[in-house]
Amino acid sequence: MTTSPVWRKSSRSTQGTSEQCVELAQLPNGIGLRDSKAPDTGHLTLTPEAFTTLLTQAKRDELPH
């Protein structure tokens, strides 16, 4: 039996502009990230290590603009 992932919206998505909404889900092969406004268009899957790196870089404002 396959269960659908449980997607949850980032708490930051409700602050400021609604144009930047992200949802996360624990997937069998990693962490899923998707646009909450277009959930049927697919998602990115990151390893837990890559997800941790992404969060660290975002918190330090080190992501490319």
PDB file of N, CA and C in Angstrom:
ATOM      1  N   MET A   1       0.834  -1.175   0.000  1.00  0.00           N
ATOM      2  CA  MET A   1       0.000   0.000   0.000  1.00  0.00           C
ATOM      3  C   MET A   1       0.886   1.247   0.000  1.00  0.00           C
ATOM      4  N   THR A   2       0.609   2.174  -0.890  1.00  0.00           N
ATOM      5  CA  THR A   2       1.349   3.421  -0.987  1.00  0.00           C
ATOM      6  C   THR A   2       0.551   4.539  -0.327  1.00  0.00           C
ATOM      7  N   THR A   3       1.208   5.311   0.511  1.00  0.00           N
ATOM      8  CA  THR A   3       0.536   6.454   1.129  1.00  0.00           C
ATOM      9  C   THR A   3       1.065   7.733   0.498  1.00  0.00           C
ATOM     10  N   SER A   4       0.180   8.682   0.360  1.00  0.00           N
ATOM     11  CA  SER A   4       0.561   9.974  -0.196  1.00  0.00           C
ATOM     12  C   SER A   4       1.352  10.753   0.831  1.00  0.00           C
ATOM     13  N   PRO A   5       2.327  11.534   0.385  1.00  0.00           N
ATOM     14  CA  PRO A   5       3.076  12.352   1.344  1.00  0.00           C
ATOM     15  C   PRO A   5       2.168  13.406   1.980  1.00  0.00           C
ATOM     16  N   VAL A   6       2.484  13.754   3.193  1.00  0.00           N
ATOM     17  CA  VAL A   6       1.764  14.824   3.886  1.00  0.00           C
ATOM     18  C   VAL A   6       2.557  16.102   3.679  1.00  0.00           C
ATOM     19  N   TRP A   7       2.003  17.012   2.894  1.00  0.00           N
ATOM     20  CA  TRP A   7       2.665  18.278   2.603  1.00  0.00           C
ATOM     21  C   TRP A   7       2.248  19.303   3.645  1.00  0.00           C
ATOM     22  N   ARG A   8       3.215  20.082   4.112  1.00  0.00           N
ATOM     23  CA  ARG A   8       2.896  21.168   5.037  1.00  0.00           C
ATOM     24  C   ARG A   8       3.550  22.453   4.553  1.00  0.00           C
ATOM     25  N   LYS A   9       2.820  23.517   4.686  1.00  0.00           N
ATOM     26  CA  LYS A   9       3.285  24.819   4.200  1.00  0.00           C
ATOM     27  C   LYS A   9       4.253  25.433   5.200  1.00  0.00           C
ATOM     28  N   SER A  10       5.277  26.061   4.672  1.00  0.00           N
ATOM     29  CA  SER A  10       6.229  26.767   5.518  1.00  0.00           C
ATOM     30  C   SER A  10       5.527  27.846   6.318  1.00  0.00           C
ATOM     31  N   SER A  11       5.899  27.985   7.577  1.00  0.00           N
ATOM     32  CA  SER A  11       5.296  29.034   8.404  1.00  0.00           C
ATOM     33  C   SER A  11       5.637  30.414   7.874  1.00  0.00           C
ATOM     34  N   ARG A  12       6.725  30.546   7.150  1.00  0.00           N
ATOM     35  CA  ARG A  12       7.116  31.831   6.559  1.00  0.00           C
ATOM     36  C   ARG A  12       6.270  32.184   5.346  1.00  0.00           C
ATOM     37  N   SER A  13       5.584  31.223   4.774  1.00  0.00           N
ATOM     38  CA  SER A  13       4.772  31.477   3.587  1.00  0.00           C
ATOM     39  C   SER A  13       3.587  32.386   3.882  1.00  0.00           C
ATOM     40  N   THR A  14       3.145  32.432   5.116  1.00  0.00           N
ATOM     41  CA  THR A  14       1.991  33.258   5.457  1.00  0.00           C
ATOM     42  C   THR A  14       2.390  34.695   5.764  1.00  0.00           C
ATOM     43  N   GLN A  15       3.688  34.958   5.857  1.00  0.00           N
ATOM     44  CA  GLN A  15       4.171  36.303   6.144  1.00  0.00           C
ATOM     45  C   GLN A  15       4.584  36.986   4.850  1.00  0.00           C
ATOM     46  N   GLY A  16       4.304  38.259   4.734  1.00  0.00           N
ATOM     47  CA  GLY A  16       4.735  39.000   3.549  1.00  0.00           C
ATOM     48  C   GLY A  16       3.939  38.613   2.321  1.00  0.00           C
ATOM     49  N   THR A  17       4.632  38.471   1.216  1.00  0.00           N
ATOM     50  CA  THR A  17       3.979  38.191  -0.050  1.00  0.00           C
ATOM     51  C   THR A  17       3.534  36.738  -0.151  1.00  0.00           C
ATOM     52  N   SER A  18       2.371  36.529  -0.719  1.00  0.00           N
ATOM     53  CA  SER A  18       1.877  35.167  -0.908  1.00  0.00           C
ATOM     54  C   SER A  18       2.424  34.555  -2.186  1.00  0.00           C
ATOM     55  N   GLU A  19       3.282  35.277  -2.883  1.00  0.00           N
ATOM     56  CA  GLU A  19       3.852  34.770  -4.127  1.00  0.00           C
ATOM     57  C   GLU A  19       5.002  33.798  -3.881  1.00  0.00           C
ATOM     58  N   GLN A  20       5.461  33.663  -2.665  1.00  0.00           N
ATOM     59  CA  GLN A  20       6.591  32.801  -2.350  1.00  0.00           C
ATOM     60  C   GLN A  20       6.173  31.761  -1.319  1.00  0.00           C
ATOM     61  N   CYS A  21       5.379  30.797  -1.754  1.00  0.00           N
ATOM     62  CA  CYS A  21       4.857  29.774  -0.845  1.00  0.00           C
ATOM     63  C   CYS A  21       5.527  28.436  -1.119  1.00  0.00           C
ATOM     64  N   VAL A  22       6.054  27.834  -0.076  1.00  0.00           N
ATOM     65  CA  VAL A  22       6.757  26.561  -0.195  1.00  0.00           C
ATOM     66  C   VAL A  22       6.098  25.543   0.717  1.00  0.00           C
ATOM     67  N   GLU A  23       5.991  24.297   0.229  1.00  0.00           N
ATOM     68  CA  GLU A  23       5.504  23.199   1.042  1.00  0.00           C
ATOM     69  C   GLU A  23       6.587  22.134   1.108  1.00  0.00           C
ATOM     70  N   LEU A  24       6.642  21.429   2.230  1.00  0.00           N
ATOM     71  CA  LEU A  24       7.619  20.370   2.463  1.00  0.00           C
ATOM     72  C   LEU A  24       6.908  19.071   2.803  1.00  0.00           C
ATOM     73  N   ALA A  25       7.541  17.950   2.468  1.00  0.00           N
ATOM     74  CA  ALA A  25       7.019  16.644   2.849  1.00  0.00           C
ATOM     75  C   ALA A  25       8.179  15.675   3.026  1.00  0.00           C
ATOM     76  N   GLN A  26       8.020  14.785   3.996  1.00  0.00           N
ATOM     77  CA  GLN A  26       8.979  13.688   4.164  1.00  0.00           C
ATOM     78  C   GLN A  26       8.622  12.636   3.118  1.00  0.00           C
ATOM     79  N   LEU A  27       9.557  12.310   2.234  1.00  0.00           N
ATOM     80  CA  LEU A  27       9.352  11.306   1.201  1.00  0.00           C
ATOM     81  C   LEU A  27      10.200  10.079   1.515  1.00  0.00           C
ATOM     82  N   PRO A  28       9.880   8.944   0.926  1.00  0.00           N
ATOM     83  CA  PRO A  28      10.680   7.742   1.184  1.00  0.00           C
ATOM     84  C   PRO A  28      12.162   7.912   0.832  1.00  0.00           C
ATOM     85  N   ASN A  29      12.445   8.764  -0.170  1.00  0.00           N
ATOM     86  CA  ASN A  29      13.827   8.925  -0.623  1.00  0.00           C
ATOM     87  C   ASN A  29      14.410  10.292  -0.306  1.00  0.00           C
ATOM     88  N   GLY A  30      13.787  11.067   0.586  1.00  0.00           N
ATOM     89  CA  GLY A  30      14.335  12.365   0.940  1.00  0.00           C
ATOM     90  C   GLY A  30      13.267  13.350   1.381  1.00  0.00           C
ATOM     91  N   ILE A  31      13.568  14.635   1.200  1.00  0.00           N
ATOM     92  CA  ILE A  31      12.662  15.721   1.558  1.00  0.00           C
ATOM     93  C   ILE A  31      12.132  16.325   0.272  1.00  0.00           C
ATOM     94  N   GLY A  32      10.797  16.455   0.184  1.00  0.00           N
ATOM     95  CA  GLY A  32      10.180  17.051  -1.002  1.00  0.00           C
ATOM     96  C   GLY A  32       9.899  18.521  -0.776  1.00  0.00           C
ATOM     97  N   LEU A  33      10.137  19.325  -1.814  1.00  0.00           N
ATOM     98  CA  LEU A  33       9.837  20.758  -1.801  1.00  0.00           C
ATOM     99  C   LEU A  33       8.982  21.061  -3.018  1.00  0.00           C
ATOM    100  N   ARG A  34       7.911  21.839  -2.828  1.00  0.00           N
ATOM    101  CA  ARG A  34       7.076  22.205  -3.971  1.00  0.00           C
ATOM    102  C   ARG A  34       6.458  23.575  -3.753  1.00  0.00           C
ATOM    103  N   ASP A  35       5.985  24.143  -4.848  1.00  0.00           N
ATOM    104  CA  ASP A  35       5.289  25.423  -4.840  1.00  0.00           C
ATOM    105  C   ASP A  35       3.846  25.159  -4.416  1.00  0.00           C
ATOM    106  N   SER A  36       3.408  25.761  -3.329  1.00  0.00           N
ATOM    107  CA  SER A  36       2.059  25.491  -2.825  1.00  0.00           C
ATOM    108  C   SER A  36       0.969  26.018  -3.749  1.00  0.00           C
ATOM    109  N   LYS A  37       1.302  26.995  -4.607  1.00  0.00           N
ATOM    110  CA  LYS A  37       0.313  27.520  -5.541  1.00  0.00           C
ATOM    111  C   LYS A  37       0.147  26.619  -6.752  1.00  0.00           C
ATOM    112  N   ALA A  38       1.101  25.726  -6.992  1.00  0.00           N
ATOM    113  CA  ALA A  38       1.057  24.834  -8.158  1.00  0.00           C
ATOM    114  C   ALA A  38       1.496  23.433  -7.754  1.00  0.00           C
ATOM    115  N   PRO A  39       0.767  22.796  -6.851  1.00  0.00           N
ATOM    116  CA  PRO A  39       1.205  21.507  -6.312  1.00  0.00           C
ATOM    117  C   PRO A  39       1.239  20.374  -7.340  1.00  0.00           C
ATOM    118  N   ASP A  40       0.501  20.512  -8.417  1.00  0.00           N
ATOM    119  CA  ASP A  40       0.464  19.447  -9.422  1.00  0.00           C
ATOM    120  C   ASP A  40       1.576  19.540 -10.455  1.00  0.00           C
ATOM    121  N   THR A  41       2.438  20.546 -10.341  1.00  0.00           N
ATOM    122  CA  THR A  41       3.505  20.710 -11.329  1.00  0.00           C
ATOM    123  C   THR A  41       4.785  19.971 -10.956  1.00  0.00           C
ATOM    124  N   GLY A  42       4.763  19.259  -9.841  1.00  0.00           N
ATOM    125  CA  GLY A  42       5.930  18.484  -9.448  1.00  0.00           C
ATOM    126  C   GLY A  42       6.609  19.052  -8.225  1.00  0.00           C
ATOM    127  N   HIS A  43       7.701  18.411  -7.851  1.00  0.00           N
ATOM    128  CA  HIS A  43       8.455  18.830  -6.672  1.00  0.00           C
ATOM    129  C   HIS A  43       9.924  18.468  -6.842  1.00  0.00           C
ATOM    130  N   LEU A  44      10.736  19.069  -6.019  1.00  0.00           N
ATOM    131  CA  LEU A  44      12.151  18.724  -5.920  1.00  0.00           C
ATOM    132  C   LEU A  44      12.311  17.736  -4.775  1.00  0.00           C
ATOM    133  N   THR A  45      13.193  16.793  -4.941  1.00  0.00           N
ATOM    134  CA  THR A  45      13.514  15.875  -3.852  1.00  0.00           C
ATOM    135  C   THR A  45      14.979  16.069  -3.488  1.00  0.00           C
ATOM    136  N   LEU A  46      15.224  16.376  -2.226  1.00  0.00           N
ATOM    137  CA  LEU A  46      16.582  16.585  -1.726  1.00  0.00           C
ATOM    138  C   LEU A  46      16.904  15.525  -0.678  1.00  0.00           C
ATOM    139  N   THR A  47      18.170  15.143  -0.619  1.00  0.00           N
ATOM    140  CA  THR A  47      18.604  14.275   0.471  1.00  0.00           C
ATOM    141  C   THR A  47      18.512  15.086   1.759  1.00  0.00           C
ATOM    142  N   PRO A  48      18.443  14.435   2.897  1.00  0.00           N
ATOM    143  CA  PRO A  48      18.432  15.201   4.153  1.00  0.00           C
ATOM    144  C   PRO A  48      19.653  16.117   4.285  1.00  0.00           C
ATOM    145  N   GLU A  49      20.792  15.661   3.821  1.00  0.00           N
ATOM    146  CA  GLU A  49      22.013  16.480   3.890  1.00  0.00           C
ATOM    147  C   GLU A  49      21.893  17.716   3.005  1.00  0.00           C
ATOM    148  N   ALA A  50      21.385  17.544   1.785  1.00  0.00           N
ATOM    149  CA  ALA A  50      21.227  18.677   0.875  1.00  0.00           C
ATOM    150  C   ALA A  50      20.189  19.666   1.418  1.00  0.00           C
ATOM    151  N   PHE A  51      19.135  19.153   2.044  1.00  0.00           N
ATOM    152  CA  PHE A  51      18.118  20.017   2.624  1.00  0.00           C
ATOM    153  C   PHE A  51      18.706  20.837   3.768  1.00  0.00           C
ATOM    154  N   THR A  52      19.515  20.208   4.613  1.00  0.00           N
ATOM    155  CA  THR A  52      20.170  20.922   5.703  1.00  0.00           C
ATOM    156  C   THR A  52      21.082  22.017   5.158  1.00  0.00           C
ATOM    157  N   THR A  53      21.829  21.707   4.108  1.00  0.00           N
ATOM    158  CA  THR A  53      22.699  22.708   3.484  1.00  0.00           C
ATOM    159  C   THR A  53      21.880  23.867   2.928  1.00  0.00           C
ATOM    160  N   LEU A  54      20.772  23.573   2.260  1.00  0.00           N
ATOM    161  CA  LEU A  54      19.897  24.615   1.720  1.00  0.00           C
ATOM    162  C   LEU A  54      19.398  25.531   2.828  1.00  0.00           C
ATOM    163  N   LEU A  55      18.921  24.953   3.928  1.00  0.00           N
ATOM    164  CA  LEU A  55      18.429  25.769   5.038  1.00  0.00           C
ATOM    165  C   LEU A  55      19.531  26.634   5.639  1.00  0.00           C
ATOM    166  N   THR A  56      20.703  26.048   5.807  1.00  0.00           N
ATOM    167  CA  THR A  56      21.828  26.796   6.371  1.00  0.00           C
ATOM    168  C   THR A  56      22.187  27.979   5.478  1.00  0.00           C
ATOM    169  N   GLN A  57      22.267  27.738   4.166  1.00  0.00           N
ATOM    170  CA  GLN A  57      22.600  28.816   3.238  1.00  0.00           C
ATOM    171  C   GLN A  57      21.505  29.880   3.196  1.00  0.00           C
ATOM    172  N   ALA A  58      20.249  29.460   3.275  1.00  0.00           N
ATOM    173  CA  ALA A  58      19.149  30.433   3.263  1.00  0.00           C
ATOM    174  C   ALA A  58      19.196  31.309   4.509  1.00  0.00           C
ATOM    175  N   LYS A  59      19.452  30.709   5.658  1.00  0.00           N
ATOM    176  CA  LYS A  59      19.515  31.471   6.905  1.00  0.00           C
ATOM    177  C   LYS A  59      20.659  32.471   6.892  1.00  0.00           C
ATOM    178  N   ARG A  60      21.739  32.140   6.200  1.00  0.00           N
ATOM    179  CA  ARG A  60      22.906  33.025   6.112  1.00  0.00           C
ATOM    180  C   ARG A  60      22.812  33.983   4.921  1.00  0.00           C
ATOM    181  N   ASP A  61      21.708  33.904   4.177  1.00  0.00           N
ATOM    182  CA  ASP A  61      21.505  34.718   2.968  1.00  0.00           C
ATOM    183  C   ASP A  61      22.629  34.475   1.965  1.00  0.00           C
ATOM    184  N   GLU A  62      23.001  33.215   1.796  1.00  0.00           N
ATOM    185  CA  GLU A  62      24.075  32.834   0.889  1.00  0.00           C
ATOM    186  C   GLU A  62      23.561  32.211  -0.420  1.00  0.00           C
ATOM    187  N   LEU A  63      22.253  32.222  -0.633  1.00  0.00           N
ATOM    188  CA  LEU A  63      21.706  31.655  -1.862  1.00  0.00           C
ATOM    189  C   LEU A  63      21.838  32.644  -3.017  1.00  0.00           C
ATOM    190  N   PRO A  64      22.048  32.134  -4.225  1.00  0.00           N
ATOM    191  CA  PRO A  64      22.118  33.061  -5.379  1.00  0.00           C
ATOM    192  C   PRO A  64      20.802  33.805  -5.538  1.00  0.00           C
ATOM    193  N   HIS A  65      20.890  35.035  -5.952  1.00  0.00           N
ATOM    194  CA  HIS A  65      19.671  35.867  -6.145  1.00  0.00           C
ATOM    195  C   HIS A  65      19.304  35.910  -7.596  1.00  0.00           C
TER     196      HIS A  65
END
